[in-house]
Amino acid sequence: MSIKISNDSSTNTRIAQALGICRSIAACNERLARSNDVHALTAALMLPCYQADLRRLARELTNAEQDELRSVLRRLENVEPPLPRRQALSAVH
């Protein structure tokens, strides 16, 4: 599926970065929920880093970019398997 984002390349870059971080957060949450191995430990260590990166990037986004990111995340929620409620909230905070 192709998701259309605005034409501005810096906006595309920031939104793409935010989406990548959201996917990493979701992957960490999924690993933590399913496993208790070394990969879960790595996920537990990386999760706060990803969350901090997302908060930092979110502060840099304009209001229009934040709206666009929310819109893309909502569309992805409808395409990809749904995340458990706790994971979905973690991805956007």
PDB file of N, CA and C in Angstrom:
ATOM      1  N   MET A   1       0.844  -1.180   0.000  1.00  0.00           N
ATOM      2  CA  MET A   1       0.000   0.000   0.000  1.00  0.00           C
ATOM      3  C   MET A   1       0.883   1.235   0.000  1.00  0.00           C
ATOM      4  N   SER A   2       0.503   2.203  -0.741  1.00  0.00           N
ATOM      5  CA  SER A   2       1.234   3.459  -0.785  1.00  0.00           C
ATOM      6  C   SER A   2       0.424   4.513  -0.043  1.00  0.00           C
ATOM      7  N   ILE A   3       1.072   5.174   0.895  1.00  0.00           N
ATOM      8  CA  ILE A   3       0.402   6.226   1.657  1.00  0.00           C
ATOM      9  C   ILE A   3       0.966   7.547   1.195  1.00  0.00           C
ATOM     10  N   LYS A   4       0.094   8.407   0.714  1.00  0.00           N
ATOM     11  CA  LYS A   4       0.529   9.702   0.210  1.00  0.00           C
ATOM     12  C   LYS A   4       0.717  10.675   1.363  1.00  0.00           C
ATOM     13  N   ILE A   5       1.885  11.243   1.409  1.00  0.00           N
ATOM     14  CA  ILE A   5       2.221  12.256   2.396  1.00  0.00           C
ATOM     15  C   ILE A   5       2.450  13.539   1.608  1.00  0.00           C
ATOM     16  N   SER A   6       2.509  14.673   2.258  1.00  0.00           N
ATOM     17  CA  SER A   6       2.635  15.943   1.551  1.00  0.00           C
ATOM     18  C   SER A   6       3.877  15.979   0.668  1.00  0.00           C
ATOM     19  N   ASN A   7       3.935  16.937  -0.227  1.00  0.00           N
ATOM     20  CA  ASN A   7       5.004  17.030  -1.211  1.00  0.00           C
ATOM     21  C   ASN A   7       6.310  17.587  -0.655  1.00  0.00           C
ATOM     22  N   ASP A   8       6.310  18.256   0.462  1.00  0.00           N
ATOM     23  CA  ASP A   8       7.512  18.862   1.019  1.00  0.00           C
ATOM     24  C   ASP A   8       8.468  17.775   1.495  1.00  0.00           C
ATOM     25  N   SER A   9       9.710  17.769   0.984  1.00  0.00           N
ATOM     26  CA  SER A   9      10.639  16.689   1.301  1.00  0.00           C
ATOM     27  C   SER A   9      11.057  16.677   2.762  1.00  0.00           C
ATOM     28  N   SER A  10      11.212  17.844   3.395  1.00  0.00           N
ATOM     29  CA  SER A  10      11.570  17.845   4.809  1.00  0.00           C
ATOM     30  C   SER A  10      10.410  17.336   5.657  1.00  0.00           C
ATOM     31  N   THR A  11       9.191  17.646   5.257  1.00  0.00           N
ATOM     32  CA  THR A  11       8.016  17.112   5.938  1.00  0.00           C
ATOM     33  C   THR A  11       7.978  15.608   5.752  1.00  0.00           C
ATOM     34  N   ASN A  12       8.191  15.145   4.525  1.00  0.00           N
ATOM     35  CA  ASN A  12       8.209  13.707   4.260  1.00  0.00           C
ATOM     36  C   ASN A  12       9.251  13.020   5.122  1.00  0.00           C
ATOM     37  N   THR A  13      10.410  13.623   5.244  1.00  0.00           N
ATOM     38  CA  THR A  13      11.489  13.030   6.025  1.00  0.00           C
ATOM     39  C   THR A  13      11.109  12.942   7.490  1.00  0.00           C
ATOM     40  N   ARG A  14      10.599  14.007   8.051  1.00  0.00           N
ATOM     41  CA  ARG A  14      10.230  14.006   9.468  1.00  0.00           C
ATOM     42  C   ARG A  14       9.095  13.025   9.747  1.00  0.00           C
ATOM     43  N   ILE A  15       8.103  12.994   8.879  1.00  0.00           N
ATOM     44  CA  ILE A  15       6.991  12.071   9.067  1.00  0.00           C
ATOM     45  C   ILE A  15       7.460  10.631   8.880  1.00  0.00           C
ATOM     46  N   ALA A  16       8.304  10.387   7.900  1.00  0.00           N
ATOM     47  CA  ALA A  16       8.850   9.042   7.702  1.00  0.00           C
ATOM     48  C   ALA A  16       9.669   8.603   8.913  1.00  0.00           C
ATOM     49  N   GLN A  17      10.449   9.519   9.478  1.00  0.00           N
ATOM     50  CA  GLN A  17      11.213   9.201  10.682  1.00  0.00           C
ATOM     51  C   GLN A  17      10.269   8.850  11.827  1.00  0.00           C
ATOM     52  N   ALA A  18       9.244   9.645  12.008  1.00  0.00           N
ATOM     53  CA  ALA A  18       8.283   9.400  13.087  1.00  0.00           C
ATOM     54  C   ALA A  18       7.581   8.056  12.899  1.00  0.00           C
ATOM     55  N   LEU A  19       7.205   7.735  11.663  1.00  0.00           N
ATOM     56  CA  LEU A  19       6.567   6.451  11.392  1.00  0.00           C
ATOM     57  C   LEU A  19       7.517   5.299  11.691  1.00  0.00           C
ATOM     58  N   GLY A  20       8.778   5.458  11.316  1.00  0.00           N
ATOM     59  CA  GLY A  20       9.771   4.426  11.608  1.00  0.00           C
ATOM     60  C   GLY A  20       9.937   4.213  13.103  1.00  0.00           C
ATOM     61  N   ILE A  21       9.955   5.300  13.847  1.00  0.00           N
ATOM     62  CA  ILE A  21      10.083   5.208  15.304  1.00  0.00           C
ATOM     63  C   ILE A  21       8.834   4.544  15.894  1.00  0.00           C
ATOM     64  N   CYS A  22       7.660   4.904  15.396  1.00  0.00           N
ATOM     65  CA  CYS A  22       6.420   4.279  15.884  1.00  0.00           C
ATOM     66  C   CYS A  22       6.436   2.774  15.632  1.00  0.00           C
ATOM     67  N   ARG A  23       6.934   2.369  14.468  1.00  0.00           N
ATOM     68  CA  ARG A  23       7.033   0.939  14.163  1.00  0.00           C
ATOM     69  C   ARG A  23       8.024   0.252  15.109  1.00  0.00           C
ATOM     70  N   SER A  24       9.120   0.925  15.414  1.00  0.00           N
ATOM     71  CA  SER A  24      10.102   0.357  16.345  1.00  0.00           C
ATOM     72  C   SER A  24       9.512   0.209  17.745  1.00  0.00           C
ATOM     73  N   ILE A  25       8.749   1.201  18.171  1.00  0.00           N
ATOM     74  CA  ILE A  25       8.087   1.134  19.475  1.00  0.00           C
ATOM     75  C   ILE A  25       7.106  -0.030  19.496  1.00  0.00           C
ATOM     76  N   ALA A  26       6.324  -0.171  18.436  1.00  0.00           N
ATOM     77  CA  ALA A  26       5.359  -1.272  18.357  1.00  0.00           C
ATOM     78  C   ALA A  26       6.076  -2.623  18.368  1.00  0.00           C
ATOM     79  N   ALA A  27       7.191  -2.718  17.652  1.00  0.00           N
ATOM     80  CA  ALA A  27       7.952  -3.970  17.621  1.00  0.00           C
ATOM     81  C   ALA A  27       8.509  -4.308  19.002  1.00  0.00           C
ATOM     82  N   CYS A  28       9.013  -3.311  19.701  1.00  0.00           N
ATOM     83  CA  CYS A  28       9.518  -3.534  21.065  1.00  0.00           C
ATOM     84  C   CYS A  28       8.392  -4.004  21.976  1.00  0.00           C
ATOM     85  N   ASN A  29       7.255  -3.345  21.911  1.00  0.00           N
ATOM     86  CA  ASN A  29       6.114  -3.738  22.741  1.00  0.00           C
ATOM     87  C   ASN A  29       5.662  -5.158  22.419  1.00  0.00           C
ATOM     88  N   GLU A  30       5.645  -5.496  21.137  1.00  0.00           N
ATOM     89  CA  GLU A  30       5.248  -6.844  20.734  1.00  0.00           C
ATOM     90  C   GLU A  30       6.237  -7.878  21.272  1.00  0.00           C
ATOM     91  N   ARG A  31       7.525  -7.596  21.157  1.00  0.00           N
ATOM     92  CA  ARG A  31       8.547  -8.526  21.650  1.00  0.00           C
ATOM     93  C   ARG A  31       8.413  -8.704  23.161  1.00  0.00           C
ATOM     94  N   LEU A  32       8.180  -7.616  23.869  1.00  0.00           N
ATOM     95  CA  LEU A  32       8.028  -7.691  25.322  1.00  0.00           C
ATOM     96  C   LEU A  32       6.784  -8.495  25.711  1.00  0.00           C
ATOM     97  N   ALA A  33       5.731  -8.365  24.938  1.00  0.00           N
ATOM     98  CA  ALA A  33       4.492  -9.072  25.247  1.00  0.00           C
ATOM     99  C   ALA A  33       4.577 -10.561  24.944  1.00  0.00           C
ATOM    100  N   ARG A  34       5.410 -10.938  23.969  1.00  0.00           N
ATOM    101  CA  ARG A  34       5.439 -12.328  23.537  1.00  0.00           C
ATOM    102  C   ARG A  34       6.585 -13.147  24.097  1.00  0.00           C
ATOM    103  N   SER A  35       7.589 -12.517  24.635  1.00  0.00           N
ATOM    104  CA  SER A  35       8.793 -13.284  24.920  1.00  0.00           C
ATOM    105  C   SER A  35       9.469 -12.837  26.201  1.00  0.00           C
ATOM    106  N   ASN A  36      10.338 -13.688  26.687  1.00  0.00           N
ATOM    107  CA  ASN A  36      11.140 -13.376  27.862  1.00  0.00           C
ATOM    108  C   ASN A  36      12.578 -13.821  27.593  1.00  0.00           C
ATOM    109  N   ASP A  37      13.089 -13.510  26.403  1.00  0.00           N
ATOM    110  CA  ASP A  37      14.429 -13.928  26.018  1.00  0.00           C
ATOM    111  C   ASP A  37      15.336 -12.714  25.860  1.00  0.00           C
ATOM    112  N   VAL A  38      16.515 -12.952  25.299  1.00  0.00           N
ATOM    113  CA  VAL A  38      17.477 -11.861  25.137  1.00  0.00           C
ATOM    114  C   VAL A  38      16.925 -10.756  24.235  1.00  0.00           C
ATOM    115  N   HIS A  39      16.083 -11.115  23.269  1.00  0.00           N
ATOM    116  CA  HIS A  39      15.510 -10.099  22.388  1.00  0.00           C
ATOM    117  C   HIS A  39      14.518  -9.215  23.148  1.00  0.00           C
ATOM    118  N   ALA A  40      13.824  -9.801  24.095  1.00  0.00           N
ATOM    119  CA  ALA A  40      12.918  -9.010  24.933  1.00  0.00           C
ATOM    120  C   ALA A  40      13.718  -8.048  25.801  1.00  0.00           C
ATOM    121  N   LEU A  41      14.862  -8.506  26.295  1.00  0.00           N
ATOM    122  CA  LEU A  41      15.725  -7.629  27.089  1.00  0.00           C
ATOM    123  C   LEU A  41      16.227  -6.465  26.239  1.00  0.00           C
ATOM    124  N   THR A  42      16.630  -6.756  25.024  1.00  0.00           N
ATOM    125  CA  THR A  42      17.068  -5.698  24.105  1.00  0.00           C
ATOM    126  C   THR A  42      15.924  -4.719  23.842  1.00  0.00           C
ATOM    127  N   ALA A  43      14.736  -5.255  23.620  1.00  0.00           N
ATOM    128  CA  ALA A  43      13.563  -4.400  23.387  1.00  0.00           C
ATOM    129  C   ALA A  43      13.300  -3.522  24.598  1.00  0.00           C
ATOM    130  N   ALA A  44      13.426  -4.095  25.793  1.00  0.00           N
ATOM    131  CA  ALA A  44      13.192  -3.323  27.020  1.00  0.00           C
ATOM    132  C   ALA A  44      14.205  -2.200  27.163  1.00  0.00           C
ATOM    133  N   LEU A  45      15.419  -2.445  26.722  1.00  0.00           N
ATOM    134  CA  LEU A  45      16.452  -1.411  26.797  1.00  0.00           C
ATOM    135  C   LEU A  45      16.277  -0.339  25.725  1.00  0.00           C
ATOM    136  N   MET A  46      15.804  -0.723  24.553  1.00  0.00           N
ATOM    137  CA  MET A  46      15.666   0.211  23.444  1.00  0.00           C
ATOM    138  C   MET A  46      14.382   1.028  23.490  1.00  0.00           C
ATOM    139  N   LEU A  47      13.341   0.480  24.093  1.00  0.00           N
ATOM    140  CA  LEU A  47      12.042   1.154  24.097  1.00  0.00           C
ATOM    141  C   LEU A  47      12.109   2.591  24.621  1.00  0.00           C
ATOM    142  N   PRO A  48      12.753   2.860  25.754  1.00  0.00           N
ATOM    143  CA  PRO A  48      12.820   4.259  26.218  1.00  0.00           C
ATOM    144  C   PRO A  48      13.567   5.172  25.245  1.00  0.00           C
ATOM    145  N   CYS A  49      14.541   4.625  24.552  1.00  0.00           N
ATOM    146  CA  CYS A  49      15.283   5.419  23.553  1.00  0.00           C
ATOM    147  C   CYS A  49      14.364   5.815  22.400  1.00  0.00           C
ATOM    148  N   TYR A  50      13.611   4.837  21.897  1.00  0.00           N
ATOM    149  CA  TYR A  50      12.673   5.133  20.807  1.00  0.00           C
ATOM    150  C   TYR A  50      11.613   6.140  21.258  1.00  0.00           C
ATOM    151  N   GLN A  51      11.107   5.965  22.464  1.00  0.00           N
ATOM    152  CA  GLN A  51      10.088   6.885  22.968  1.00  0.00           C
ATOM    153  C   GLN A  51      10.649   8.305  23.098  1.00  0.00           C
ATOM    154  N   ALA A  52      11.877   8.421  23.574  1.00  0.00           N
ATOM    155  CA  ALA A  52      12.506   9.744  23.686  1.00  0.00           C
ATOM    156  C   ALA A  52      12.716  10.353  22.301  1.00  0.00           C
ATOM    157  N   ASP A  53      13.138   9.534  21.338  1.00  0.00           N
ATOM    158  CA  ASP A  53      13.308  10.026  19.966  1.00  0.00           C
ATOM    159  C   ASP A  53      11.996  10.529  19.402  1.00  0.00           C
ATOM    160  N   LEU A  54      10.912   9.794  19.653  1.00  0.00           N
ATOM    161  CA  LEU A  54       9.613  10.212  19.140  1.00  0.00           C
ATOM    162  C   LEU A  54       9.158  11.515  19.793  1.00  0.00           C
ATOM    163  N   ARG A  55       9.366  11.648  21.109  1.00  0.00           N
ATOM    164  CA  ARG A  55       9.003  12.907  21.789  1.00  0.00           C
ATOM    165  C   ARG A  55       9.811  14.081  21.218  1.00  0.00           C
ATOM    166  N   ARG A  56      11.116  13.866  21.018  1.00  0.00           N
ATOM    167  CA  ARG A  56      11.963  14.923  20.466  1.00  0.00           C
ATOM    168  C   ARG A  56      11.477  15.322  19.074  1.00  0.00           C
ATOM    169  N   LEU A  57      11.242  14.331  18.231  1.00  0.00           N
ATOM    170  CA  LEU A  57      10.792  14.606  16.875  1.00  0.00           C
ATOM    171  C   LEU A  57       9.413  15.266  16.871  1.00  0.00           C
ATOM    172  N   ALA A  58       8.527  14.838  17.751  1.00  0.00           N
ATOM    173  CA  ALA A  58       7.178  15.414  17.819  1.00  0.00           C
ATOM    174  C   ALA A  58       7.230  16.900  18.155  1.00  0.00           C
ATOM    175  N   ARG A  59       8.197  17.297  18.988  1.00  0.00           N
ATOM    176  CA  ARG A  59       8.335  18.729  19.324  1.00  0.00           C
ATOM    177  C   ARG A  59       8.777  19.540  18.105  1.00  0.00           C
ATOM    178  N   GLU A  60       9.454  18.899  17.173  1.00  0.00           N
ATOM    179  CA  GLU A  60       9.941  19.599  15.980  1.00  0.00           C
ATOM    180  C   GLU A  60       8.893  19.693  14.878  1.00  0.00           C
ATOM    181  N   LEU A  61       7.856  18.871  14.946  1.00  0.00           N
ATOM    182  CA  LEU A  61       6.839  18.867  13.901  1.00  0.00           C
ATOM    183  C   LEU A  61       5.931  20.084  14.018  1.00  0.00           C
ATOM    184  N   THR A  62       5.562  20.613  12.879  1.00  0.00           N
ATOM    185  CA  THR A  62       4.569  21.682  12.868  1.00  0.00           C
ATOM    186  C   THR A  62       3.202  21.081  13.170  1.00  0.00           C
ATOM    187  N   ASN A  63       2.224  21.927  13.433  1.00  0.00           N
ATOM    188  CA  ASN A  63       0.866  21.434  13.675  1.00  0.00           C
ATOM    189  C   ASN A  63       0.345  20.653  12.477  1.00  0.00           C
ATOM    190  N   ALA A  64       0.610  21.145  11.287  1.00  0.00           N
ATOM    191  CA  ALA A  64       0.161  20.457  10.069  1.00  0.00           C
ATOM    192  C   ALA A  64       0.829  19.091   9.948  1.00  0.00           C
ATOM    193  N   GLU A  65       2.114  19.013  10.274  1.00  0.00           N
ATOM    194  CA  GLU A  65       2.827  17.734  10.218  1.00  0.00           C
ATOM    195  C   GLU A  65       2.288  16.764  11.264  1.00  0.00           C
ATOM    196  N   GLN A  66       1.985  17.276  12.456  1.00  0.00           N
ATOM    197  CA  GLN A  66       1.411  16.423  13.497  1.00  0.00           C
ATOM    198  C   GLN A  66       0.065  15.866  13.042  1.00  0.00           C
ATOM    199  N   ASP A  67      -0.751  16.711  12.434  1.00  0.00           N
ATOM    200  CA  ASP A  67      -2.046  16.261  11.918  1.00  0.00           C
ATOM    201  C   ASP A  67      -1.856  15.201  10.840  1.00  0.00           C
ATOM    202  N   GLU A  68      -0.895  15.418   9.969  1.00  0.00           N
ATOM    203  CA  GLU A  68      -0.636  14.466   8.898  1.00  0.00           C
ATOM    204  C   GLU A  68      -0.131  13.136   9.455  1.00  0.00           C
ATOM    205  N   LEU A  69       0.742  13.193  10.441  1.00  0.00           N
ATOM    206  CA  LEU A  69       1.250  11.984  11.068  1.00  0.00           C
ATOM    207  C   LEU A  69       0.107  11.203  11.721  1.00  0.00           C
ATOM    208  N   ARG A  70      -0.761  11.894  12.445  1.00  0.00           N
ATOM    209  CA  ARG A  70      -1.916  11.225  13.062  1.00  0.00           C
ATOM    210  C   ARG A  70      -2.793  10.564  12.000  1.00  0.00           C
ATOM    211  N   SER A  71      -2.991  11.276  10.893  1.00  0.00           N
ATOM    212  CA  SER A  71      -3.805  10.740   9.809  1.00  0.00           C
ATOM    213  C   SER A  71      -3.177   9.473   9.226  1.00  0.00           C
ATOM    214  N   VAL A  72      -1.879   9.505   8.995  1.00  0.00           N
ATOM    215  CA  VAL A  72      -1.183   8.337   8.452  1.00  0.00           C
ATOM    216  C   VAL A  72      -1.256   7.177   9.439  1.00  0.00           C
ATOM    217  N   LEU A  73      -1.052   7.453  10.725  1.00  0.00           N
ATOM    218  CA  LEU A  73      -1.121   6.400  11.735  1.00  0.00           C
ATOM    219  C   LEU A  73      -2.521   5.781  11.795  1.00  0.00           C
ATOM    220  N   ARG A  74      -3.558   6.614  11.664  1.00  0.00           N
ATOM    221  CA  ARG A  74      -4.929   6.084  11.653  1.00  0.00           C
ATOM    222  C   ARG A  74      -5.143   5.180  10.444  1.00  0.00           C
ATOM    223  N   ARG A  75      -4.641   5.606   9.274  1.00  0.00           N
ATOM    224  CA  ARG A  75      -4.795   4.779   8.070  1.00  0.00           C
ATOM    225  C   ARG A  75      -4.029   3.469   8.220  1.00  0.00           C
ATOM    226  N   LEU A  76      -2.834   3.528   8.807  1.00  0.00           N
ATOM    227  CA  LEU A  76      -2.057   2.304   9.010  1.00  0.00           C
ATOM    228  C   LEU A  76      -2.753   1.361   9.982  1.00  0.00           C
ATOM    229  N   GLU A  77      -3.404   1.908  10.976  1.00  0.00           N
ATOM    230  CA  GLU A  77      -4.150   1.100  11.932  1.00  0.00           C
ATOM    231  C   GLU A  77      -5.221   0.283  11.229  1.00  0.00           C
ATOM    232  N   ASN A  78      -5.794   0.847  10.176  1.00  0.00           N
ATOM    233  CA  ASN A  78      -6.837   0.147   9.428  1.00  0.00           C
ATOM    234  C   ASN A  78      -6.266  -0.892   8.473  1.00  0.00           C
ATOM    235  N   VAL A  79      -4.991  -0.779   8.116  1.00  0.00           N
ATOM    236  CA  VAL A  79      -4.370  -1.688   7.159  1.00  0.00           C
ATOM    237  C   VAL A  79      -3.629  -2.815   7.870  1.00  0.00           C
ATOM    238  N   GLU A  80      -2.843  -2.469   8.876  1.00  0.00           N
ATOM    239  CA  GLU A  80      -2.033  -3.441   9.593  1.00  0.00           C
ATOM    240  C   GLU A  80      -2.856  -4.071  10.706  1.00  0.00           C
ATOM    241  N   PRO A  81      -2.431  -5.258  11.167  1.00  0.00           N
ATOM    242  CA  PRO A  81      -3.146  -5.854  12.297  1.00  0.00           C
ATOM    243  C   PRO A  81      -3.168  -4.878  13.468  1.00  0.00           C
ATOM    244  N   PRO A  82      -4.280  -4.767  14.154  1.00  0.00           N
ATOM    245  CA  PRO A  82      -4.372  -3.793  15.250  1.00  0.00           C
ATOM    246  C   PRO A  82      -3.419  -4.128  16.384  1.00  0.00           C
ATOM    247  N   LEU A  83      -2.893  -3.080  16.996  1.00  0.00           N
ATOM    248  CA  LEU A  83      -2.040  -3.243  18.168  1.00  0.00           C
ATOM    249  C   LEU A  83      -2.918  -3.328  19.395  1.00  0.00           C
ATOM    250  N   PRO A  84      -2.498  -4.091  20.385  1.00  0.00           N
ATOM    251  CA  PRO A  84      -3.241  -4.030  21.644  1.00  0.00           C
ATOM    252  C   PRO A  84      -3.269  -2.594  22.140  1.00  0.00           C
ATOM    253  N   ARG A  85      -4.267  -2.228  22.886  1.00  0.00           N
ATOM    254  CA  ARG A  85      -4.495  -0.834  23.303  1.00  0.00           C
ATOM    255  C   ARG A  85      -3.257  -0.200  23.924  1.00  0.00           C
ATOM    256  N   ARG A  86      -2.549  -0.897  24.793  1.00  0.00           N
ATOM    257  CA  ARG A  86      -1.375  -0.330  25.462  1.00  0.00           C
ATOM    258  C   ARG A  86      -0.291   0.036  24.447  1.00  0.00           C
ATOM    259  N   GLN A  87      -0.090  -0.823  23.426  1.00  0.00           N
ATOM    260  CA  GLN A  87       0.932  -0.553  22.422  1.00  0.00           C
ATOM    261  C   GLN A  87       0.553   0.643  21.567  1.00  0.00           C
ATOM    262  N   ALA A  88      -0.692   0.735  21.193  1.00  0.00           N
ATOM    263  CA  ALA A  88      -1.125   1.849  20.356  1.00  0.00           C
ATOM    264  C   ALA A  88      -0.907   3.166  21.080  1.00  0.00           C
ATOM    265  N   LEU A  89      -1.213   3.212  22.363  1.00  0.00           N
ATOM    266  CA  LEU A  89      -1.005   4.441  23.126  1.00  0.00           C
ATOM    267  C   LEU A  89       0.468   4.756  23.252  1.00  0.00           C
ATOM    268  N   SER A  90       1.294   3.743  23.441  1.00  0.00           N
ATOM    269  CA  SER A  90       2.743   3.976  23.563  1.00  0.00           C
ATOM    270  C   SER A  90       3.313   4.553  22.284  1.00  0.00           C
ATOM    271  N   ALA A  91       2.774   4.162  21.166  1.00  0.00           N
ATOM    272  CA  ALA A  91       3.327   4.604  19.886  1.00  0.00           C
ATOM    273  C   ALA A  91       3.117   6.081  19.626  1.00  0.00           C
ATOM    274  N   VAL A  92       2.093   6.679  20.200  1.00  0.00           N
ATOM    275  CA  VAL A  92       1.826   8.080  19.904  1.00  0.00           C
ATOM    276  C   VAL A  92       2.184   9.022  21.034  1.00  0.00           C
ATOM    277  N   HIS A  93       2.617   8.525  22.158  1.00  0.00           N
ATOM    278  CA  HIS A  93       2.981   9.405  23.279  1.00  0.00           C
ATOM    279  C   HIS A  93       4.443   9.608  23.327  1.00  0.00           C
TER     280      HIS A  93
END
